[in-house]
């Protein structure tokens, strides 16, 4: 039976809201790093406290994904998107007016909750409405993060150049989140008219949801996400320092290579949106992971001219997260939202773990040794992809 035109329009309206919400969340996510030095200069807080403020974001990110999946299962697909916008408004306003450490920590935690909830909300809505070409739409969604990662530093500089401060950057972001919340409140979800092949919301109890989310066959997807985030966030955090201190590049050149890394992530996801559903999710995961590993090996252990393979790894790394989410969701008939929430919680775990592991290894040996952590995590990711493929083959 064809989908009525009114339901199709509602679906497109909700999808537009997803992309707007994820764009706002991506800007706020990137602002935490872009504005950290200005925050510390104004408050004269220590590096340790600054690190705690960033860690609070990832803790909120992890908490949201563990909790919001159950909200989606029980109250519908639109509820997490609304909650995400509320968290982003509250967290950004909180950072704009905070005047003591507890307020900064709480506001950063709320922004993390909003970021985590936005990722899960947008995934479950696109998976529900676009079940036949999920990989394409998730790669397009995730490309938004790469685009915002490149543009947010420019946005922050423009705000501060116009006699504003880092606080104003969060104020304007809160305003954008507020408009997104109003739009989502207006847009109607096409209830009962999901895309063909999609699964209706389950009414499983929390114990059953937890059992499904923590089942053994899901473990390999969680490990893929954890290892992916250790690799991506590790490179994003330490690439500039590595190019300067180990390879002798200037600060501006090193920043440029970091921008190229993020451009590769965005471009790779745009390209991935065209091919992942045709080539196959598992094949794309294996090809992307293998090419990323080769880039890291060449960049870290090859001749000096091969160092440029490090930022190029973003192109191959890009498809891993959206394609893993698409493949995992295709294997579940129920409890899908809770399982996705558990999987995305490992983004928070990896975000807290990756930079710390590289820093510890760099302090103990050298930054060369620290960056080798990304190669090891990429190996772990490939092993997990292989095991997930074997499990999928067994049904």
Protein backbone atom coordinates (compact mmCIF):
# COMPACT_ATOMS: atom_id res chain seq x y z
CA UNK A 1 0.00 0.00 0.00
CA UNK A 2 1.55 3.36 -0.99
CA UNK A 3 2.40 5.83 1.75
CA UNK A 4 -0.07 8.78 1.76
CA UNK A 5 1.32 12.10 0.58
CA UNK A 6 0.58 13.74 3.96
CA UNK A 7 2.61 11.11 5.79
CA UNK A 8 5.46 11.48 3.29
CA UNK A 9 5.53 15.23 3.94
CA UNK A 10 5.52 14.65 7.69
CA UNK A 11 8.40 12.22 7.31
CA UNK A 12 10.44 14.76 5.34
CA UNK A 13 9.67 17.45 7.92
CA UNK A 14 10.88 15.25 10.77
CA UNK A 15 14.01 14.30 8.81
CA UNK A 16 14.76 17.99 8.25
CA UNK A 17 14.40 18.49 12.00
CA UNK A 18 16.87 15.65 12.58
CA UNK A 19 19.53 17.28 10.41
CA UNK A 20 18.95 20.68 12.07
CA UNK A 21 19.16 19.16 15.56
CA UNK A 22 22.34 17.23 14.77
CA UNK A 23 23.92 20.35 13.23
CA UNK A 24 23.25 22.37 16.40
CA UNK A 25 24.50 19.54 18.59
CA UNK A 26 27.66 19.24 16.46
CA UNK A 27 28.39 22.96 16.78
CA UNK A 28 27.99 22.82 20.57
CA UNK A 29 30.12 19.66 20.71
CA UNK A 30 32.93 21.37 18.77
CA UNK A 31 32.63 24.61 20.78
CA UNK A 32 33.74 22.82 23.95
CA UNK A 33 37.23 22.45 22.49
CA UNK A 34 37.31 25.68 20.50
CA UNK A 35 36.44 27.83 23.54
CA UNK A 36 38.30 25.91 26.25
CA UNK A 37 41.42 28.09 26.16
CA UNK A 38 39.29 31.26 26.40
CA UNK A 39 37.31 29.79 29.29
CA UNK A 40 40.51 28.94 31.18
CA UNK A 41 42.02 32.36 30.46
CA UNK A 42 38.94 34.13 31.82
CA UNK A 43 38.40 31.94 34.89
CA UNK A 44 42.06 31.08 35.58
CA UNK A 45 41.04 27.50 36.24
CA UNK A 46 43.71 24.79 36.11
CA UNK A 47 44.21 22.41 33.20
CA UNK A 48 42.92 19.64 35.46
CA UNK A 49 39.62 21.44 36.02
CA UNK A 50 39.40 22.22 32.32
CA UNK A 51 39.86 18.52 31.60
CA UNK A 52 37.12 17.68 34.08
CA UNK A 53 34.75 20.08 32.32
CA UNK A 54 35.40 18.28 29.02
CA UNK A 55 35.07 14.87 30.71
CA UNK A 56 31.70 15.95 32.14
CA UNK A 57 30.50 16.39 28.55
CA UNK A 58 31.43 12.82 27.63
CA UNK A 59 29.92 11.50 30.86
CA UNK A 60 26.63 13.19 29.92
CA UNK A 61 26.96 11.79 26.41
CA UNK A 62 27.30 8.27 27.75
CA UNK A 63 24.49 8.68 30.30
CA UNK A 64 22.07 10.01 27.67
CA UNK A 65 22.59 7.10 25.32
CA UNK A 66 22.11 4.56 28.09
CA UNK A 67 18.85 6.19 29.20
CA UNK A 68 17.34 7.72 26.07
CA UNK A 69 17.08 4.41 24.19
CA UNK A 70 14.51 3.23 26.72
CA UNK A 71 12.67 6.57 26.38
CA UNK A 72 12.41 6.04 22.64
CA UNK A 73 11.14 2.48 23.08
CA UNK A 74 8.47 3.54 25.56
CA UNK A 75 7.40 7.01 24.41
CA UNK A 76 8.07 7.11 20.68
CA UNK A 77 10.79 8.21 18.29
CA UNK A 78 10.21 11.95 18.61
CA UNK A 79 10.60 12.16 22.41
CA UNK A 80 14.43 11.81 22.48
CA UNK A 81 14.80 14.57 19.85
CA UNK A 82 12.73 16.94 21.97
CA UNK A 83 14.70 16.07 25.11
CA UNK A 84 17.96 16.59 23.24
CA UNK A 85 17.00 20.13 22.24
CA UNK A 86 15.94 20.92 25.83
CA UNK A 87 19.29 19.67 27.18
CA UNK A 88 21.23 21.68 24.58
CA UNK A 89 19.35 24.88 25.39
CA UNK A 90 19.85 24.42 29.15
CA UNK A 91 23.52 23.42 28.87
CA UNK A 92 24.49 26.23 26.49
CA UNK A 93 22.71 28.89 28.54
CA UNK A 94 24.35 27.44 31.64
CA UNK A 95 27.84 27.79 30.14
CA UNK A 96 27.06 31.32 28.99
CA UNK A 97 26.23 32.46 32.56
CA UNK A 98 28.26 30.05 34.72
CA UNK A 99 30.42 31.64 37.44
CA UNK A 100 31.67 28.70 39.49
CA UNK A 101 33.15 25.24 38.81
CA UNK A 102 30.00 23.30 39.71
CA UNK A 103 27.99 25.34 37.21
CA UNK A 104 30.51 24.70 34.42
CA UNK A 105 30.56 20.98 35.17
CA UNK A 106 26.75 20.71 35.31
CA UNK A 107 26.30 22.74 32.10
CA UNK A 108 28.90 20.68 30.23
CA UNK A 109 27.17 17.51 31.44
CA UNK A 110 23.82 18.81 30.11
CA UNK A 111 25.39 19.62 26.74
CA UNK A 112 26.78 16.09 26.67
CA UNK A 113 23.30 14.75 27.43
CA UNK A 114 21.95 16.82 24.55
CA UNK A 115 24.67 15.64 22.18
CA UNK A 116 24.20 11.99 23.06
CA UNK A 117 20.42 12.22 22.85
CA UNK A 118 20.62 13.97 19.47
CA UNK A 119 22.76 11.21 17.97
CA UNK A 120 20.43 8.47 19.15
CA UNK A 121 17.26 10.38 18.27
CA UNK A 122 18.38 11.17 14.73
CA UNK A 123 19.56 7.60 14.16
CA UNK A 124 16.36 5.92 15.31
CA UNK A 125 14.18 8.30 13.29
CA UNK A 126 16.15 7.87 10.06
CA UNK A 127 16.35 4.10 10.56
CA UNK A 128 12.59 4.01 11.09
CA UNK A 129 11.67 6.21 8.13
CA UNK A 130 14.40 5.13 5.67
CA UNK A 131 14.77 1.41 6.37
CA UNK A 132 15.58 0.53 2.74
CA UNK A 133 18.55 2.90 2.39
CA UNK A 134 19.56 3.44 6.01
CA UNK A 135 23.29 3.44 5.31
CA UNK A 136 22.94 6.31 2.83
CA UNK A 137 20.98 8.55 5.17
CA UNK A 138 23.10 7.84 8.25
CA UNK A 139 26.28 8.66 6.33
CA UNK A 140 24.67 11.92 5.17
CA UNK A 141 23.64 12.70 8.75
CA UNK A 142 27.12 12.03 10.11
CA UNK A 143 28.66 14.20 7.37
CA UNK A 144 26.97 17.10 9.16
CA UNK A 145 29.38 16.61 12.06
CA UNK A 146 32.40 16.91 9.78
CA UNK A 147 31.01 20.07 8.19
CA UNK A 148 30.24 21.66 11.56
CA UNK A 149 33.66 20.67 12.93
CA UNK A 150 35.26 22.69 10.14
CA UNK A 151 32.94 25.71 10.39
CA UNK A 152 32.58 26.08 14.17
CA UNK A 153 36.10 27.52 14.76
CA UNK A 154 35.33 30.16 12.11
CA UNK A 155 31.97 30.88 13.78
CA UNK A 156 33.63 31.30 17.19
CA UNK A 157 36.30 33.60 15.76
CA UNK A 158 33.67 35.77 14.06
CA UNK A 159 31.69 36.07 17.30
CA UNK A 160 34.76 37.03 19.33
CA UNK A 161 36.09 39.35 16.61
CA UNK A 162 32.86 41.34 16.84
CA UNK A 163 33.52 42.38 20.46
CA UNK A 164 31.83 39.21 21.70
CA UNK A 165 33.19 36.49 23.94
CA UNK A 166 33.16 32.72 24.04
CA UNK A 167 30.02 33.02 26.17
CA UNK A 168 28.20 34.74 23.30
CA UNK A 169 29.05 31.80 21.05
CA UNK A 170 27.15 29.53 23.44
CA UNK A 171 24.27 32.03 23.74
CA UNK A 172 23.70 32.05 19.98
CA UNK A 173 23.98 28.25 19.92
CA UNK A 174 21.32 28.07 22.64
CA UNK A 175 19.08 30.29 20.50
CA UNK A 176 19.52 27.94 17.53
CA UNK A 177 18.70 24.96 19.77
CA UNK A 178 15.57 26.79 20.95
CA UNK A 179 14.38 27.36 17.37
CA UNK A 180 15.04 23.68 16.64
CA UNK A 181 13.00 22.68 19.69
CA UNK A 182 10.09 24.83 18.48
CA UNK A 183 10.31 23.28 15.01
CA UNK A 184 10.33 19.73 16.41
CA UNK A 185 7.34 20.56 18.61
CA UNK A 186 5.47 21.72 15.49
CA UNK A 187 6.48 18.84 13.18
CA UNK A 188 4.25 15.78 13.42
CA UNK A 189 5.73 12.29 13.31
CA UNK A 190 4.06 10.09 10.66
CA UNK A 191 2.72 7.63 13.24
CA UNK A 192 1.72 4.32 11.77
CA UNK A 193 3.26 5.19 8.41
CA UNK A 194 6.90 4.20 8.85
CA UNK A 195 8.85 3.13 5.85
CA UNK A 196 8.20 -0.40 4.55
CA UNK A 197 10.13 -2.98 6.49
CA UNK A 198 10.56 -0.83 9.60
CA UNK A 199 9.70 -2.17 13.03
CA UNK A 200 6.99 -0.51 15.14
CA UNK A 201 7.95 0.81 18.59
CA UNK A 202 8.18 -1.99 21.14
CA UNK A 203 6.54 -2.02 24.52
CA UNK A 204 9.08 -4.26 26.17
CA UNK A 205 9.80 -3.72 29.85
CA UNK A 206 13.11 -2.27 30.95
CA UNK A 207 14.54 -5.64 32.00
CA UNK A 208 13.82 -7.13 28.58
CA UNK A 209 15.29 -4.07 26.84
CA UNK A 210 18.45 -4.40 28.91
CA UNK A 211 18.71 -8.11 28.07
CA UNK A 212 18.45 -7.40 24.36
CA UNK A 213 20.90 -4.49 24.47
CA UNK A 214 23.50 -6.49 26.39
CA UNK A 215 23.23 -9.72 24.40
CA UNK A 216 26.45 -11.32 23.19
CA UNK A 217 25.88 -10.63 19.50
CA UNK A 218 25.77 -6.87 20.22
CA UNK A 219 29.16 -6.87 21.96
CA UNK A 220 31.15 -6.75 18.72
CA UNK A 221 29.30 -3.63 17.53
CA UNK A 222 29.99 -1.93 20.85
CA UNK A 223 33.68 -2.81 20.48
CA UNK A 224 33.70 -1.44 16.92
CA UNK A 225 32.35 1.90 18.16
CA UNK A 226 34.72 2.05 21.15
CA UNK A 227 37.80 1.33 19.01
CA UNK A 228 36.59 3.74 16.29
CA UNK A 229 36.19 6.59 18.78
CA UNK A 230 39.58 5.91 20.38
CA UNK A 231 41.08 6.21 16.89
CA UNK A 232 39.12 9.26 15.71
CA UNK A 233 39.18 11.31 18.92
CA UNK A 234 42.79 10.32 19.55
CA UNK A 235 43.83 11.62 16.13
CA UNK A 236 41.65 14.71 16.46
CA UNK A 237 43.15 15.53 19.87
CA UNK A 238 46.85 14.84 19.25
CA UNK A 239 47.41 15.28 15.50
CA UNK A 240 48.41 18.95 15.76
CA UNK A 241 50.86 18.24 18.59
CA UNK A 242 52.29 15.27 16.71
CA UNK A 243 52.92 17.26 13.52
CA UNK A 244 54.59 20.05 15.51
CA UNK A 245 56.66 18.19 18.10
CA UNK A 246 57.54 14.99 16.23
CA UNK A 247 57.53 16.02 12.56
CA UNK A 248 58.61 19.67 12.94
CA UNK A 249 55.72 21.39 11.17
CA UNK A 250 54.54 24.90 12.06
CA UNK A 251 51.44 25.45 14.19
CA UNK A 252 49.44 26.82 11.24
CA UNK A 253 50.43 23.91 8.99
CA UNK A 254 49.54 21.43 11.73
CA UNK A 255 46.13 23.05 12.20
CA UNK A 256 45.61 22.84 8.45
CA UNK A 257 46.30 19.10 8.45
CA UNK A 258 43.77 18.65 11.26
CA UNK A 259 41.20 20.49 9.13
CA UNK A 260 42.02 18.14 6.26
CA UNK A 261 41.44 15.19 8.59
CA UNK A 262 37.94 16.47 9.40
CA UNK A 263 37.31 17.34 5.76
CA UNK A 264 38.14 13.72 4.92
CA UNK A 265 35.58 12.54 7.47
CA UNK A 266 32.91 14.74 5.93
CA UNK A 267 33.82 13.86 2.35
CA UNK A 268 34.08 10.15 3.12
CA UNK A 269 30.59 10.12 4.58
CA UNK A 270 29.17 11.96 1.59
CA UNK A 271 30.78 9.40 -0.71
CA UNK A 272 29.74 6.57 1.59
CA UNK A 273 26.11 7.67 1.35
CA UNK A 274 26.24 6.76 -2.36
CA UNK A 275 27.75 3.28 -2.05
CA UNK A 276 27.29 1.63 1.38
CA UNK A 277 23.85 0.15 0.69
CA UNK A 278 24.94 -1.09 -2.73
CA UNK A 279 28.31 -2.52 -1.76
CA UNK A 280 27.09 -3.97 1.55
CA UNK A 281 27.53 -2.76 5.10
CA UNK A 282 30.03 -5.37 6.26
CA UNK A 283 32.14 -5.05 3.11
CA UNK A 284 32.28 -1.26 3.53
CA UNK A 285 33.25 -1.64 7.19
CA UNK A 286 36.07 -4.03 6.31
CA UNK A 287 37.35 -1.90 3.39
CA UNK A 288 37.19 1.33 5.40
CA UNK A 289 38.88 -0.19 8.43
CA UNK A 290 41.60 -1.85 6.35
CA UNK A 291 42.37 1.33 4.40
CA UNK A 292 42.46 3.34 7.64
CA UNK A 293 44.92 0.88 9.19
CA UNK A 294 47.17 1.11 6.12
CA UNK A 295 47.10 4.93 6.32
CA UNK A 296 48.04 4.89 10.01
CA UNK A 297 50.88 2.42 9.46
CA UNK A 298 52.29 4.46 6.56
CA UNK A 299 51.89 7.77 8.38
CA UNK A 300 53.52 6.65 11.62
CA UNK A 301 56.10 4.11 10.49
CA UNK A 302 56.75 4.87 6.82
CA UNK A 303 59.14 7.38 5.24
CA UNK A 304 58.82 11.04 6.25
CA UNK A 305 56.79 11.95 3.17
CA UNK A 306 54.19 9.34 4.15
CA UNK A 307 53.21 11.33 7.27
CA UNK A 308 50.45 12.93 5.20
CA UNK A 309 48.69 9.57 5.22
CA UNK A 310 47.71 10.31 8.84
CA UNK A 311 45.20 13.08 8.07
CA UNK A 312 44.12 11.11 4.99
CA UNK A 313 42.94 8.34 7.34
CA UNK A 314 39.84 10.43 8.08
CA UNK A 315 38.55 9.65 4.58
CA UNK A 316 38.53 5.90 5.30
CA UNK A 317 37.60 6.12 8.97
CA UNK A 318 34.51 8.17 8.14
CA UNK A 319 32.13 5.39 7.14
CA UNK A 320 32.69 3.16 10.18
CA UNK A 321 30.27 4.62 12.73
CA UNK A 322 27.20 5.27 10.53
CA UNK A 323 27.60 1.99 8.67
CA UNK A 324 28.02 -0.01 11.90
CA UNK A 325 24.82 1.60 13.22
CA UNK A 326 22.96 0.75 10.00
CA UNK A 327 24.14 -2.87 10.00
CA UNK A 328 23.39 -3.47 13.68
CA UNK A 329 19.89 -2.03 13.37
CA UNK A 330 19.16 -4.32 10.42
CA UNK A 331 19.77 -7.37 12.62
CA UNK A 332 17.27 -6.46 15.35
CA UNK A 333 13.53 -7.01 15.28
CA UNK A 334 12.92 -5.47 18.72
CA UNK A 335 14.83 -3.49 21.32
CA UNK A 336 16.67 -1.69 18.53
CA UNK A 337 16.60 1.76 20.10
CA UNK A 338 17.93 0.49 23.43
CA UNK A 339 20.71 -1.42 21.67
CA UNK A 340 21.65 1.68 19.64
CA UNK A 341 21.69 3.68 22.86
CA UNK A 342 24.05 1.19 24.47
CA UNK A 343 26.27 1.24 21.37
CA UNK A 344 26.44 5.03 21.27
CA UNK A 345 27.26 5.10 24.99
CA UNK A 346 30.64 3.69 23.97
CA UNK A 347 31.25 6.96 22.12
CA UNK A 348 31.48 8.55 25.57
CA UNK A 349 33.69 5.76 26.89
CA UNK A 350 36.02 5.98 23.89
CA UNK A 351 36.04 9.78 24.00
CA UNK A 352 37.24 9.72 27.60
CA UNK A 353 39.68 6.84 27.04
CA UNK A 354 41.42 7.55 23.73
CA UNK A 355 43.14 10.89 24.41
CA UNK A 356 44.08 9.69 27.91
CA UNK A 357 45.72 6.49 26.63
CA UNK A 358 47.70 8.41 24.00
CA UNK A 359 48.78 11.00 26.57
CA UNK A 360 49.88 8.33 29.07
CA UNK A 361 51.78 6.36 26.42
CA UNK A 362 53.35 9.59 25.14
CA UNK A 363 54.50 10.53 28.64
CA UNK A 364 55.95 7.08 29.29
CA UNK A 365 57.68 6.59 25.93
CA UNK A 366 57.25 9.38 23.37
CA UNK A 367 54.46 10.94 21.34
CA UNK A 368 55.42 8.50 18.58
CA UNK A 369 54.58 5.71 21.00
CA UNK A 370 51.41 7.48 22.04
CA UNK A 371 50.13 7.79 18.49
CA UNK A 372 50.70 4.05 18.03
CA UNK A 373 47.64 3.62 20.26
CA UNK A 374 45.52 4.67 17.27
CA UNK A 375 47.04 1.88 15.18
CA UNK A 376 46.32 -0.67 17.90
CA UNK A 377 42.74 0.54 18.29
CA UNK A 378 42.26 0.30 14.53
CA UNK A 379 43.44 -3.32 14.69
CA UNK A 380 40.93 -4.00 17.45
CA UNK A 381 38.22 -2.38 15.31
CA UNK A 382 39.04 -4.62 12.34
CA UNK A 383 38.99 -7.74 14.53
CA UNK A 384 35.57 -6.72 15.91
CA UNK A 385 34.25 -6.10 12.37
CA UNK A 386 35.38 -9.59 11.38
CA UNK A 387 33.65 -11.19 14.38
CA UNK A 388 30.46 -9.20 13.76
CA UNK A 389 30.50 -10.48 10.19
CA UNK A 390 30.83 -14.08 11.33
CA UNK A 391 27.94 -13.66 13.77
CA UNK A 392 25.80 -12.10 11.05
CA UNK A 393 26.59 -15.00 8.69
CA UNK A 394 25.34 -17.43 11.33
CA UNK A 395 22.12 -15.41 11.63
